[in-house]
Amino acid sequence: MYKRLIRPILFWFDPEAVHHVTFNAIRIVSKIPGIPALFKSLYAVNDPRLEREVFGLKFKNPIGLAAGFDKDATLYQELSNFGFGFIEIGTLTPLPQPGNPKKRVFRLQEDQAIINRLGFNNGGVVAAVERLKKNKNVLIGGNIGKNKVTPNEDATADYVIAFEALFEVVDYFVVNVSSPNTPNLRALQDKEPLTQLLQTLQIRNEAKPQSKPILLKIAPDLTNEQLLDIIEIVAATKIAGVIATNTTIAREGLVSENKTETGGLSGKPLTKRATEVIRFLSEKSNKAFPIIGVGGIHTPEDALEKLEAGASLIQLYTGFIYEGPALIKAINQELLRSNLK
């Protein structure tokens, strides 16, 4: 029903406006008695064979919602009813910021893709913490970044502020230095500043009574040499793992009208490259750390490819928008079938 009826209507309108309208609709509908249970019955697959234990956390299934969808942690509880095993909120920054000027989100329907240049638009970490205090058993990842006005030499302080604020209300952290939409942010992926940033966070983490997993989210545009640096950095800093990958600045092979828009490209064109990065990291590190695979997952087969390439968990974003919540159920059902073979 989603692809035949709901999606065609939604795709008539501006993507960012539709996002907010859809959020409000889900929130309102979910307050009706019986609706959350209905969503769960339609989309959730509960089977102990789907459970995964990764970096010390127990996931009821390996399919998560990627960061960027519920930036401000306003709908994580309702979204979990669609069958996700975990929800990643953010990217959150210490101070609220509006992000880049609109229009800043573009559909590429012929390519089954989206280009966004949102720029970490969010209401700030403090407001999100208050909403997360109301969490009822949803496994939450906290994706953190720096404010646009913060120079790179002071970026570590921003990450520390967000880390400390979120520590009691999330289950794991993601350090986002790979968005193409904040000026100069990707320079923090260079070996020296990235090592320093992660070491600083790990010192804070290890000083806690109970530390929490810290992951690094990387760009798909890194070279093999840079990916080898990432492997060394993970080993040196002892962080828990890597999320591969963020959006890409590449534009090869696109046919849609909006293909020349600046920003990060997500969706089907990223499928192959994201899988390549996962496989490279897994093989070259001898599976030394867990990888969350994200990028161009639109079918159960796409999900299986990511897992077979070395991902321990996967995340959806653009595939969720194009395929709807039935994709989550289809992937989990395919995982059960493949496990039975």
C-alpha atoms as a PDB file:
ATOM      1  CA  MET A   1       0.000   0.000   0.000  1.00  0.00           C
ATOM      2  CA  TYR A   2       2.820   2.404   0.810  1.00  0.00           C
ATOM      3  CA  LYS A   3       4.507   2.210  -2.601  1.00  0.00           C
ATOM      4  CA  ARG A   4       1.270   2.128  -4.604  1.00  0.00           C
ATOM      5  CA  LEU A   5      -0.767   4.717  -2.725  1.00  0.00           C
ATOM      6  CA  ILE A   6       1.049   6.663  -0.010  1.00  0.00           C
ATOM      7  CA  ARG A   7       4.442   7.268  -1.622  1.00  0.00           C
ATOM      8  CA  PRO A   8       3.092   8.743  -4.894  1.00  0.00           C
ATOM      9  CA  ILE A   9       1.136  11.304  -2.877  1.00  0.00           C
ATOM     10  CA  LEU A  10       4.044  12.176  -0.608  1.00  0.00           C
ATOM     11  CA  PHE A  11       6.427  12.521  -3.545  1.00  0.00           C
ATOM     12  CA  TRP A  12       4.290  15.292  -5.053  1.00  0.00           C
ATOM     13  CA  PHE A  13       5.481  17.634  -2.301  1.00  0.00           C
ATOM     14  CA  ASP A  14       8.751  19.126  -1.034  1.00  0.00           C
ATOM     15  CA  PRO A  15      10.818  16.387   0.669  1.00  0.00           C
ATOM     16  CA  GLU A  16      11.628  18.335   3.814  1.00  0.00           C
ATOM     17  CA  ALA A  17       8.040  19.539   4.255  1.00  0.00           C
ATOM     18  CA  VAL A  18       6.745  16.000   3.754  1.00  0.00           C
ATOM     19  CA  HIS A  19       9.191  14.756   6.380  1.00  0.00           C
ATOM     20  CA  HIS A  20       7.726  17.076   9.013  1.00  0.00           C
ATOM     21  CA  VAL A  21       4.117  16.355   7.986  1.00  0.00           C
ATOM     22  CA  THR A  22       4.764  12.616   8.124  1.00  0.00           C
ATOM     23  CA  PHE A  23       6.364  12.917  11.565  1.00  0.00           C
ATOM     24  CA  ASN A  24       3.343  14.786  12.877  1.00  0.00           C
ATOM     25  CA  ALA A  25       0.957  12.262  11.324  1.00  0.00           C
ATOM     26  CA  ILE A  26       2.770   9.281  12.846  1.00  0.00           C
ATOM     27  CA  ARG A  27       2.879  11.006  16.229  1.00  0.00           C
ATOM     28  CA  ILE A  28      -0.841  11.814  16.193  1.00  0.00           C
ATOM     29  CA  VAL A  29      -1.956   8.432  14.895  1.00  0.00           C
ATOM     30  CA  SER A  30       0.252   6.621  17.408  1.00  0.00           C
ATOM     31  CA  LYS A  31      -1.696   8.226  20.261  1.00  0.00           C
ATOM     32  CA  ILE A  32      -4.831   6.347  19.205  1.00  0.00           C
ATOM     33  CA  PRO A  33      -5.273   3.252  21.394  1.00  0.00           C
ATOM     34  CA  GLY A  34      -4.348   0.113  19.527  1.00  0.00           C
ATOM     35  CA  ILE A  35      -2.430   1.791  16.695  1.00  0.00           C
ATOM     36  CA  PRO A  36       1.093   1.121  18.050  1.00  0.00           C
ATOM     37  CA  ALA A  37       0.133  -2.527  18.499  1.00  0.00           C
ATOM     38  CA  LEU A  38      -1.247  -2.567  14.959  1.00  0.00           C
ATOM     39  CA  PHE A  39       2.002  -1.194  13.527  1.00  0.00           C
ATOM     40  CA  LYS A  40       3.962  -3.827  15.431  1.00  0.00           C
ATOM     41  CA  SER A  41       1.691  -6.603  14.179  1.00  0.00           C
ATOM     42  CA  LEU A  42       2.080  -5.398  10.586  1.00  0.00           C
ATOM     43  CA  TYR A  43       5.838  -4.788  10.509  1.00  0.00           C
ATOM     44  CA  ALA A  44       7.712  -6.204  13.501  1.00  0.00           C
ATOM     45  CA  VAL A  45       9.217  -9.675  13.361  1.00  0.00           C
ATOM     46  CA  ASN A  46       9.916 -11.102  16.803  1.00  0.00           C
ATOM     47  CA  ASP A  47      12.153 -14.129  16.717  1.00  0.00           C
ATOM     48  CA  PRO A  48      15.139 -14.917  18.977  1.00  0.00           C
ATOM     49  CA  ARG A  49      17.110 -16.027  15.907  1.00  0.00           C
ATOM     50  CA  LEU A  50      17.232 -12.382  14.802  1.00  0.00           C
ATOM     51  CA  GLU A  51      18.913 -11.227  18.004  1.00  0.00           C
ATOM     52  CA  ARG A  52      22.484  -9.973  17.783  1.00  0.00           C
ATOM     53  CA  GLU A  53      24.989  -9.107  20.499  1.00  0.00           C
ATOM     54  CA  VAL A  54      27.387  -6.473  19.184  1.00  0.00           C
ATOM     55  CA  PHE A  55      29.898  -4.330  21.133  1.00  0.00           C
ATOM     56  CA  GLY A  56      28.311  -5.530  24.374  1.00  0.00           C
ATOM     57  CA  LEU A  57      24.743  -4.559  23.463  1.00  0.00           C
ATOM     58  CA  LYS A  58      21.856  -6.887  22.696  1.00  0.00           C
ATOM     59  CA  PHE A  59      19.852  -5.982  19.573  1.00  0.00           C
ATOM     60  CA  LYS A  60      16.466  -7.654  19.026  1.00  0.00           C
ATOM     61  CA  ASN A  61      17.222  -7.629  15.307  1.00  0.00           C
ATOM     62  CA  PRO A  62      20.087  -6.219  13.209  1.00  0.00           C
ATOM     63  CA  ILE A  63      18.101  -3.504  11.375  1.00  0.00           C
ATOM     64  CA  GLY A  64      18.416   0.060  12.623  1.00  0.00           C
ATOM     65  CA  LEU A  65      17.229   3.471  11.538  1.00  0.00           C
ATOM     66  CA  ALA A  66      20.192   5.602  10.490  1.00  0.00           C
ATOM     67  CA  ALA A  67      20.973   9.021  11.915  1.00  0.00           C
ATOM     68  CA  GLY A  68      19.451  12.012  10.163  1.00  0.00           C
ATOM     69  CA  PHE A  69      15.907  10.719  10.100  1.00  0.00           C
ATOM     70  CA  ASP A  70      14.991  11.510  13.716  1.00  0.00           C
ATOM     71  CA  LYS A  71      17.588  14.203  14.305  1.00  0.00           C
ATOM     72  CA  ASP A  72      16.055  15.635  17.475  1.00  0.00           C
ATOM     73  CA  ALA A  73      14.835  12.404  19.098  1.00  0.00           C
ATOM     74  CA  THR A  74      11.206  13.464  18.702  1.00  0.00           C
ATOM     75  CA  LEU A  75       9.758  10.241  17.239  1.00  0.00           C
ATOM     76  CA  TYR A  76      12.081   7.378  18.198  1.00  0.00           C
ATOM     77  CA  GLN A  77       9.454   5.618  20.308  1.00  0.00           C
ATOM     78  CA  GLU A  78       6.854   5.624  17.536  1.00  0.00           C
ATOM     79  CA  LEU A  79       9.364   4.696  14.831  1.00  0.00           C
ATOM     80  CA  SER A  80      10.480   1.669  16.833  1.00  0.00           C
ATOM     81  CA  ASN A  81       6.975   0.229  16.327  1.00  0.00           C
ATOM     82  CA  PHE A  82       7.807  -0.346  12.649  1.00  0.00           C
ATOM     83  CA  GLY A  83      10.145  -3.176  13.616  1.00  0.00           C
ATOM     84  CA  PHE A  84      13.558  -1.528  13.930  1.00  0.00           C
ATOM     85  CA  GLY A  85      16.020  -3.187  16.267  1.00  0.00           C
ATOM     86  CA  PHE A  86      17.549   0.163  17.187  1.00  0.00           C
ATOM     87  CA  ILE A  87      17.226   3.873  16.413  1.00  0.00           C
ATOM     88  CA  GLU A  88      20.105   6.304  15.927  1.00  0.00           C
ATOM     89  CA  ILE A  89      19.222   9.909  16.675  1.00  0.00           C
ATOM     90  CA  GLY A  90      21.108  13.039  15.613  1.00  0.00           C
ATOM     91  CA  THR A  91      23.364  14.383  14.396  1.00  0.00           C
ATOM     92  CA  LEU A  92      23.160  16.547  17.527  1.00  0.00           C
ATOM     93  CA  THR A  93      25.364  19.564  18.214  1.00  0.00           C
ATOM     94  CA  PRO A  94      25.944  21.402  21.505  1.00  0.00           C
ATOM     95  CA  LEU A  95      23.963  24.473  20.420  1.00  0.00           C
ATOM     96  CA  PRO A  96      20.802  24.589  18.321  1.00  0.00           C
ATOM     97  CA  GLN A  97      21.387  25.575  14.711  1.00  0.00           C
ATOM     98  CA  PRO A  98      19.096  26.048  11.704  1.00  0.00           C
ATOM     99  CA  GLY A  99      21.322  24.307   9.175  1.00  0.00           C
ATOM    100  CA  ASN A 100      21.825  25.454   5.616  1.00  0.00           C
ATOM    101  CA  PRO A 101      19.366  27.628   3.656  1.00  0.00           C
ATOM    102  CA  LYS A 102      16.352  25.951   2.092  1.00  0.00           C
ATOM    103  CA  LYS A 103      15.719  24.332  -0.382  1.00  0.00           C
ATOM    104  CA  ARG A 104      18.183  21.700   0.776  1.00  0.00           C
ATOM    105  CA  VAL A 105      16.671  18.248   0.165  1.00  0.00           C
ATOM    106  CA  PHE A 106      16.146  16.839  -3.337  1.00  0.00           C
ATOM    107  CA  ARG A 107      14.659  13.580  -4.571  1.00  0.00           C
ATOM    108  CA  LEU A 108      16.263  11.773  -7.486  1.00  0.00           C
ATOM    109  CA  GLN A 109      13.417   9.390  -8.248  1.00  0.00           C
ATOM    110  CA  GLU A 110      14.908   7.840 -11.385  1.00  0.00           C
ATOM    111  CA  ASP A 111      18.009   6.984  -9.356  1.00  0.00           C
ATOM    112  CA  GLN A 112      16.118   5.993  -6.175  1.00  0.00           C
ATOM    113  CA  ALA A 113      18.229   8.507  -4.313  1.00  0.00           C
ATOM    114  CA  ILE A 114      18.209  11.696  -2.267  1.00  0.00           C
ATOM    115  CA  ILE A 115      20.621  14.616  -2.124  1.00  0.00           C
ATOM    116  CA  ASN A 116      20.619  16.625   1.078  1.00  0.00           C
ATOM    117  CA  ARG A 117      22.627  19.588   2.285  1.00  0.00           C
ATOM    118  CA  LEU A 118      20.810  20.054   5.584  1.00  0.00           C
ATOM    119  CA  GLY A 119      23.926  20.932   7.572  1.00  0.00           C
ATOM    120  CA  PHE A 120      23.267  19.430  11.023  1.00  0.00           C
ATOM    121  CA  ASN A 121      19.996  21.306  11.528  1.00  0.00           C
ATOM    122  CA  ASN A 122      18.872  20.404  15.053  1.00  0.00           C
ATOM    123  CA  GLY A 123      17.496  21.857  18.252  1.00  0.00           C
ATOM    124  CA  GLY A 124      20.624  21.189  20.290  1.00  0.00           C
ATOM    125  CA  VAL A 125      21.639  18.349  22.526  1.00  0.00           C
ATOM    126  CA  VAL A 126      20.047  19.639  25.750  1.00  0.00           C
ATOM    127  CA  ALA A 127      16.510  19.564  24.345  1.00  0.00           C
ATOM    128  CA  ALA A 128      17.039  16.081  22.914  1.00  0.00           C
ATOM    129  CA  VAL A 129      18.233  14.763  26.280  1.00  0.00           C
ATOM    130  CA  GLU A 130      14.930  15.735  27.898  1.00  0.00           C
ATOM    131  CA  ARG A 131      13.002  13.754  25.276  1.00  0.00           C
ATOM    132  CA  LEU A 132      15.311  10.755  25.607  1.00  0.00           C
ATOM    133  CA  LYS A 133      14.680  10.614  29.351  1.00  0.00           C
ATOM    134  CA  LYS A 134      11.190   9.358  28.447  1.00  0.00           C
ATOM    135  CA  ASN A 135      12.538   6.382  26.483  1.00  0.00           C
ATOM    136  CA  LYS A 136      10.735   3.079  27.024  1.00  0.00           C
ATOM    137  CA  ASN A 137      13.113   0.281  26.066  1.00  0.00           C
ATOM    138  CA  VAL A 138      14.241   1.534  22.634  1.00  0.00           C
ATOM    139  CA  LEU A 139      17.926   0.897  21.994  1.00  0.00           C
ATOM    140  CA  ILE A 140      19.304   4.335  21.076  1.00  0.00           C
ATOM    141  CA  GLY A 141      22.474   5.464  19.354  1.00  0.00           C
ATOM    142  CA  GLY A 142      23.560   9.065  19.807  1.00  0.00           C
ATOM    143  CA  ASN A 143      25.168  10.633  16.739  1.00  0.00           C
ATOM    144  CA  ILE A 144      27.181  13.739  17.658  1.00  0.00           C
ATOM    145  CA  GLY A 145      28.838  16.535  15.697  1.00  0.00           C
ATOM    146  CA  LYS A 146      30.192  20.043  15.978  1.00  0.00           C
ATOM    147  CA  ASN A 147      28.414  23.340  15.447  1.00  0.00           C
ATOM    148  CA  LYS A 148      29.008  25.029  12.106  1.00  0.00           C
ATOM    149  CA  VAL A 149      30.541  28.126  13.732  1.00  0.00           C
ATOM    150  CA  THR A 150      33.028  26.076  15.725  1.00  0.00           C
ATOM    151  CA  PRO A 151      36.457  26.031  14.013  1.00  0.00           C
ATOM    152  CA  ASN A 152      38.053  22.628  13.525  1.00  0.00           C
ATOM    153  CA  GLU A 153      40.788  23.373  16.048  1.00  0.00           C
ATOM    154  CA  ASP A 154      38.056  23.661  18.702  1.00  0.00           C
ATOM    155  CA  ALA A 155      35.892  20.827  17.419  1.00  0.00           C
ATOM    156  CA  THR A 156      36.874  18.340  20.124  1.00  0.00           C
ATOM    157  CA  ALA A 157      35.250  20.523  22.767  1.00  0.00           C
ATOM    158  CA  ASP A 158      31.924  20.368  20.906  1.00  0.00           C
ATOM    159  CA  TYR A 159      32.041  16.578  20.700  1.00  0.00           C
ATOM    160  CA  VAL A 160      32.877  16.365  24.410  1.00  0.00           C
ATOM    161  CA  ILE A 161      29.908  18.575  25.319  1.00  0.00           C
ATOM    162  CA  ALA A 162      27.504  16.439  23.292  1.00  0.00           C
ATOM    163  CA  PHE A 163      29.049  13.234  24.633  1.00  0.00           C
ATOM    164  CA  GLU A 164      28.705  14.259  28.260  1.00  0.00           C
ATOM    165  CA  ALA A 165      25.161  15.551  27.811  1.00  0.00           C
ATOM    166  CA  LEU A 166      23.927  12.363  26.130  1.00  0.00           C
ATOM    167  CA  PHE A 167      25.869   9.830  28.151  1.00  0.00           C
ATOM    168  CA  GLU A 168      23.060   8.743  30.486  1.00  0.00           C
ATOM    169  CA  VAL A 169      20.346   8.539  27.809  1.00  0.00           C
ATOM    170  CA  VAL A 170      21.903   6.669  24.865  1.00  0.00           C
ATOM    171  CA  ASP A 171      23.277   3.140  24.505  1.00  0.00           C
ATOM    172  CA  TYR A 172      26.112   3.902  22.089  1.00  0.00           C
ATOM    173  CA  PHE A 173      27.755   6.929  20.468  1.00  0.00           C
ATOM    174  CA  VAL A 174      28.610   7.774  16.881  1.00  0.00           C
ATOM    175  CA  VAL A 175      31.231  10.401  16.077  1.00  0.00           C
ATOM    176  CA  ASN A 176      30.193  12.070  12.831  1.00  0.00           C
ATOM    177  CA  VAL A 177      33.138  13.683  11.033  1.00  0.00           C
ATOM    178  CA  SER A 178      31.988  12.596   7.585  1.00  0.00           C
ATOM    179  CA  SER A 179      29.016  14.762   6.634  1.00  0.00           C
ATOM    180  CA  PRO A 180      29.782  16.773   3.476  1.00  0.00           C
ATOM    181  CA  ASN A 181      27.384  19.545   4.526  1.00  0.00           C
ATOM    182  CA  THR A 182      29.338  21.279   7.305  1.00  0.00           C
ATOM    183  CA  PRO A 183      32.301  23.258   5.926  1.00  0.00           C
ATOM    184  CA  ASN A 184      35.667  21.570   6.529  1.00  0.00           C
ATOM    185  CA  LEU A 185      34.148  18.854   8.733  1.00  0.00           C
ATOM    186  CA  ARG A 186      35.606  16.023   6.661  1.00  0.00           C
ATOM    187  CA  ALA A 187      39.113  17.374   7.343  1.00  0.00           C
ATOM    188  CA  LEU A 188      38.620  15.902  10.827  1.00  0.00           C
ATOM    189  CA  GLN A 189      38.865  12.450   9.207  1.00  0.00           C
ATOM    190  CA  ASP A 190      42.601  13.037   8.712  1.00  0.00           C
ATOM    191  CA  LYS A 191      44.657  10.724  10.867  1.00  0.00           C
ATOM    192  CA  GLU A 192      46.086  13.154  13.415  1.00  0.00           C
ATOM    193  CA  PRO A 193      42.986  15.203  14.322  1.00  0.00           C
ATOM    194  CA  LEU A 194      40.743  12.136  14.251  1.00  0.00           C
ATOM    195  CA  THR A 195      43.028  10.166  16.561  1.00  0.00           C
ATOM    196  CA  GLN A 196      43.162  13.082  18.984  1.00  0.00           C
ATOM    197  CA  LEU A 197      39.387  13.507  18.953  1.00  0.00           C
ATOM    198  CA  LEU A 198      38.651   9.837  19.548  1.00  0.00           C
ATOM    199  CA  GLN A 199      41.319   9.509  22.240  1.00  0.00           C
ATOM    200  CA  THR A 200      39.846  12.464  24.103  1.00  0.00           C
ATOM    201  CA  LEU A 201      36.378  10.922  24.026  1.00  0.00           C
ATOM    202  CA  GLN A 202      37.715   7.533  25.064  1.00  0.00           C
ATOM    203  CA  ILE A 203      39.472   9.035  28.084  1.00  0.00           C
ATOM    204  CA  ARG A 204      36.149  10.546  29.135  1.00  0.00           C
ATOM    205  CA  ASN A 205      34.393   7.262  28.382  1.00  0.00           C
ATOM    206  CA  GLU A 206      36.764   5.088  30.376  1.00  0.00           C
ATOM    207  CA  ALA A 207      36.480   7.397  33.372  1.00  0.00           C
ATOM    208  CA  LYS A 208      32.777   6.538  33.665  1.00  0.00           C
ATOM    209  CA  PRO A 209      31.607   3.797  36.052  1.00  0.00           C
ATOM    210  CA  GLN A 210      30.363   1.938  32.961  1.00  0.00           C
ATOM    211  CA  SER A 211      31.750   2.943  29.555  1.00  0.00           C
ATOM    212  CA  LYS A 212      29.643   2.918  26.395  1.00  0.00           C
ATOM    213  CA  PRO A 213      30.542   1.919  22.824  1.00  0.00           C
ATOM    214  CA  ILE A 214      31.892   4.719  20.630  1.00  0.00           C
ATOM    215  CA  LEU A 215      31.732   4.263  16.866  1.00  0.00           C
ATOM    216  CA  LEU A 216      33.118   6.327  14.023  1.00  0.00           C
ATOM    217  CA  LYS A 217      30.992   7.154  10.974  1.00  0.00           C
ATOM    218  CA  ILE A 218      33.098   7.462   7.826  1.00  0.00           C
ATOM    219  CA  ALA A 219      32.586   8.766   4.305  1.00  0.00           C
ATOM    220  CA  PRO A 220      32.356   6.427   1.314  1.00  0.00           C
ATOM    221  CA  ASP A 221      34.731   8.729  -0.562  1.00  0.00           C
ATOM    222  CA  LEU A 222      37.841   7.730   1.410  1.00  0.00           C
ATOM    223  CA  THR A 223      40.701   6.127  -0.518  1.00  0.00           C
ATOM    224  CA  ASN A 224      42.055   2.703   0.377  1.00  0.00           C
ATOM    225  CA  GLU A 225      45.012   4.386   2.043  1.00  0.00           C
ATOM    226  CA  GLN A 226      42.669   6.457   4.170  1.00  0.00           C
ATOM    227  CA  LEU A 227      40.633   3.370   5.033  1.00  0.00           C
ATOM    228  CA  LEU A 228      43.826   1.674   6.211  1.00  0.00           C
ATOM    229  CA  ASP A 229      44.399   4.721   8.405  1.00  0.00           C
ATOM    230  CA  ILE A 230      40.907   4.247   9.830  1.00  0.00           C
ATOM    231  CA  ILE A 231      41.778   0.649  10.753  1.00  0.00           C
ATOM    232  CA  GLU A 232      44.904   1.872  12.546  1.00  0.00           C
ATOM    233  CA  ILE A 233      42.976   4.614  14.335  1.00  0.00           C
ATOM    234  CA  VAL A 234      40.334   2.164  15.576  1.00  0.00           C
ATOM    235  CA  ALA A 235      43.086  -0.081  16.940  1.00  0.00           C
ATOM    236  CA  ALA A 236      44.995   2.798  18.536  1.00  0.00           C
ATOM    237  CA  THR A 237      41.996   4.439  20.185  1.00  0.00           C
ATOM    238  CA  LYS A 238      40.184   1.196  21.029  1.00  0.00           C
ATOM    239  CA  ILE A 239      36.803   2.525  19.923  1.00  0.00           C
ATOM    240  CA  ALA A 240      34.065  -0.060  19.476  1.00  0.00           C
ATOM    241  CA  GLY A 241      33.592   0.021  15.718  1.00  0.00           C
ATOM    242  CA  VAL A 242      32.781   1.849  12.498  1.00  0.00           C
ATOM    243  CA  ILE A 243      29.646   2.889  10.629  1.00  0.00           C
ATOM    244  CA  ALA A 244      30.178   2.567   6.883  1.00  0.00           C
ATOM    245  CA  THR A 245      29.088   4.766   5.261  1.00  0.00           C
ATOM    246  CA  ASN A 246      27.777   8.326   5.283  1.00  0.00           C
ATOM    247  CA  THR A 247      26.519  10.062   2.135  1.00  0.00           C
ATOM    248  CA  THR A 248      28.766  10.575  -0.884  1.00  0.00           C
ATOM    249  CA  ILE A 249      29.806  13.606  -2.916  1.00  0.00           C
ATOM    250  CA  ALA A 250      30.238  11.397  -6.009  1.00  0.00           C
ATOM    251  CA  ARG A 251      27.726  11.769  -8.843  1.00  0.00           C
ATOM    252  CA  GLU A 252      28.698   9.099 -11.380  1.00  0.00           C
ATOM    253  CA  GLY A 253      25.914   7.484 -13.369  1.00  0.00           C
ATOM    254  CA  LEU A 254      23.033   9.655 -12.181  1.00  0.00           C
ATOM    255  CA  VAL A 255      20.203  10.467 -14.585  1.00  0.00           C
ATOM    256  CA  SER A 256      17.736  12.485 -12.482  1.00  0.00           C
ATOM    257  CA  GLU A 257      17.093  16.167 -12.972  1.00  0.00           C
ATOM    258  CA  ASN A 258      18.497  17.112  -9.554  1.00  0.00           C
ATOM    259  CA  LYS A 259      21.790  15.252 -10.014  1.00  0.00           C
ATOM    260  CA  THR A 260      23.883  18.463 -10.019  1.00  0.00           C
ATOM    261  CA  GLU A 261      22.668  19.699  -6.640  1.00  0.00           C
ATOM    262  CA  THR A 262      25.389  19.977  -4.010  1.00  0.00           C
ATOM    263  CA  GLY A 263      25.224  17.942  -0.834  1.00  0.00           C
ATOM    264  CA  GLY A 264      25.421  14.331   0.226  1.00  0.00           C
ATOM    265  CA  LEU A 265      23.954  11.664  -2.037  1.00  0.00           C
ATOM    266  CA  SER A 266      22.219   8.677  -0.448  1.00  0.00           C
ATOM    267  CA  GLY A 267      20.216   5.766  -1.760  1.00  0.00           C
ATOM    268  CA  LYS A 268      20.641   3.178  -4.479  1.00  0.00           C
ATOM    269  CA  PRO A 269      23.698   4.776  -6.177  1.00  0.00           C
ATOM    270  CA  LEU A 270      25.609   4.229  -2.922  1.00  0.00           C
ATOM    271  CA  THR A 271      24.826   0.505  -2.624  1.00  0.00           C
ATOM    272  CA  LYS A 272      27.958  -0.853  -4.279  1.00  0.00           C
ATOM    273  CA  ARG A 273      30.473   1.578  -2.806  1.00  0.00           C
ATOM    274  CA  ALA A 274      29.197   1.203   0.753  1.00  0.00           C
ATOM    275  CA  THR A 275      29.484  -2.572   0.440  1.00  0.00           C
ATOM    276  CA  GLU A 276      33.014  -2.222  -0.941  1.00  0.00           C
ATOM    277  CA  VAL A 277      34.059  -0.122   2.051  1.00  0.00           C
ATOM    278  CA  ILE A 278      32.540  -2.636   4.477  1.00  0.00           C
ATOM    279  CA  ARG A 279      34.329  -5.538   2.802  1.00  0.00           C
ATOM    280  CA  PHE A 280      37.661  -3.668   2.693  1.00  0.00           C
ATOM    281  CA  LEU A 281      37.530  -2.750   6.375  1.00  0.00           C
ATOM    282  CA  SER A 282      36.444  -6.233   7.399  1.00  0.00           C
ATOM    283  CA  GLU A 283      39.076  -8.067   5.370  1.00  0.00           C
ATOM    284  CA  LYS A 284      42.003  -5.719   5.957  1.00  0.00           C
ATOM    285  CA  SER A 285      41.365  -5.602   9.711  1.00  0.00           C
ATOM    286  CA  ASN A 286      40.784  -9.361   9.950  1.00  0.00           C
ATOM    287  CA  LYS A 287      37.352  -8.574  11.370  1.00  0.00           C
ATOM    288  CA  ALA A 288      38.948  -6.786  14.300  1.00  0.00           C
ATOM    289  CA  PHE A 289      35.917  -4.613  15.036  1.00  0.00           C
ATOM    290  CA  PRO A 290      32.165  -4.556  14.325  1.00  0.00           C
ATOM    291  CA  ILE A 291      30.840  -2.587  11.361  1.00  0.00           C
ATOM    292  CA  ILE A 292      27.367  -1.134  10.957  1.00  0.00           C
ATOM    293  CA  GLY A 293      26.590  -1.142   7.245  1.00  0.00           C
ATOM    294  CA  VAL A 294      24.501   1.636   5.736  1.00  0.00           C
ATOM    295  CA  GLY A 295      24.101   2.959   2.221  1.00  0.00           C
ATOM    296  CA  GLY A 296      21.704   1.984  -0.551  1.00  0.00           C
ATOM    297  CA  ILE A 297      19.779  -0.788   1.194  1.00  0.00           C
ATOM    298  CA  HIS A 298      16.503  -0.973  -0.741  1.00  0.00           C
ATOM    299  CA  THR A 299      15.912  -4.749  -0.816  1.00  0.00           C
ATOM    300  CA  PRO A 300      16.521  -7.770   1.421  1.00  0.00           C
ATOM    301  CA  GLU A 301      19.270  -8.781  -1.018  1.00  0.00           C
ATOM    302  CA  ASP A 302      21.031  -5.443  -0.451  1.00  0.00           C
ATOM    303  CA  ALA A 303      20.908  -6.084   3.284  1.00  0.00           C
ATOM    304  CA  LEU A 304      22.309  -9.603   2.964  1.00  0.00           C
ATOM    305  CA  GLU A 305      25.166  -8.306   0.809  1.00  0.00           C
ATOM    306  CA  LYS A 306      26.154  -5.853   3.536  1.00  0.00           C
ATOM    307  CA  LEU A 307      26.068  -8.550   6.193  1.00  0.00           C
ATOM    308  CA  GLU A 308      27.979 -11.027   4.043  1.00  0.00           C
ATOM    309  CA  ALA A 309      30.592  -8.346   3.321  1.00  0.00           C
ATOM    310  CA  GLY A 310      31.308  -8.074   7.034  1.00  0.00           C
ATOM    311  CA  ALA A 311      28.651  -5.867   8.640  1.00  0.00           C
ATOM    312  CA  SER A 312      27.343  -6.980  12.027  1.00  0.00           C
ATOM    313  CA  LEU A 313      24.330  -4.668  11.844  1.00  0.00           C
ATOM    314  CA  ILE A 314      22.710  -2.550   9.140  1.00  0.00           C
ATOM    315  CA  GLN A 315      20.833   0.746   8.987  1.00  0.00           C
ATOM    316  CA  LEU A 316      18.174   2.132   6.653  1.00  0.00           C
ATOM    317  CA  TYR A 317      17.463   5.694   5.629  1.00  0.00           C
ATOM    318  CA  THR A 318      16.709   6.400   1.963  1.00  0.00           C
ATOM    319  CA  GLY A 319      15.534   2.823   1.414  1.00  0.00           C
ATOM    320  CA  PHE A 320      13.019   3.344   4.212  1.00  0.00           C
ATOM    321  CA  ILE A 321      11.705   6.458   2.450  1.00  0.00           C
ATOM    322  CA  TYR A 322      11.423   4.771  -0.962  1.00  0.00           C
ATOM    323  CA  GLU A 323      10.269   1.311   0.131  1.00  0.00           C
ATOM    324  CA  GLY A 324       8.371   2.027   3.342  1.00  0.00           C
ATOM    325  CA  PRO A 325       8.270   0.060   6.612  1.00  0.00           C
ATOM    326  CA  ALA A 326       7.501  -3.201   4.795  1.00  0.00           C
ATOM    327  CA  LEU A 327      11.210  -3.291   3.915  1.00  0.00           C
ATOM    328  CA  ILE A 328      12.138  -3.877   7.568  1.00  0.00           C
ATOM    329  CA  LYS A 329       9.837  -6.880   7.787  1.00  0.00           C
ATOM    330  CA  ALA A 330      11.023  -8.239   4.431  1.00  0.00           C
ATOM    331  CA  ILE A 331      14.684  -8.073   5.491  1.00  0.00           C
ATOM    332  CA  ASN A 332      14.033  -9.777   8.826  1.00  0.00           C
ATOM    333  CA  GLN A 333      12.005 -12.503   7.123  1.00  0.00           C
ATOM    334  CA  GLU A 334      14.780 -13.045   4.579  1.00  0.00           C
ATOM    335  CA  LEU A 335      17.338 -13.271   7.401  1.00  0.00           C
ATOM    336  CA  LEU A 336      15.257 -16.003   9.011  1.00  0.00           C
ATOM    337  CA  ARG A 337      14.980 -17.888   5.733  1.00  0.00           C
ATOM    338  CA  SER A 338      18.704 -17.603   5.043  1.00  0.00           C
ATOM    339  CA  ASN A 339      19.531 -18.771   8.570  1.00  0.00           C
ATOM    340  CA  LEU A 340      17.428 -21.863   8.032  1.00  0.00           C
ATOM    341  CA  LYS A 341      19.376 -22.904   4.919  1.00  0.00           C
END
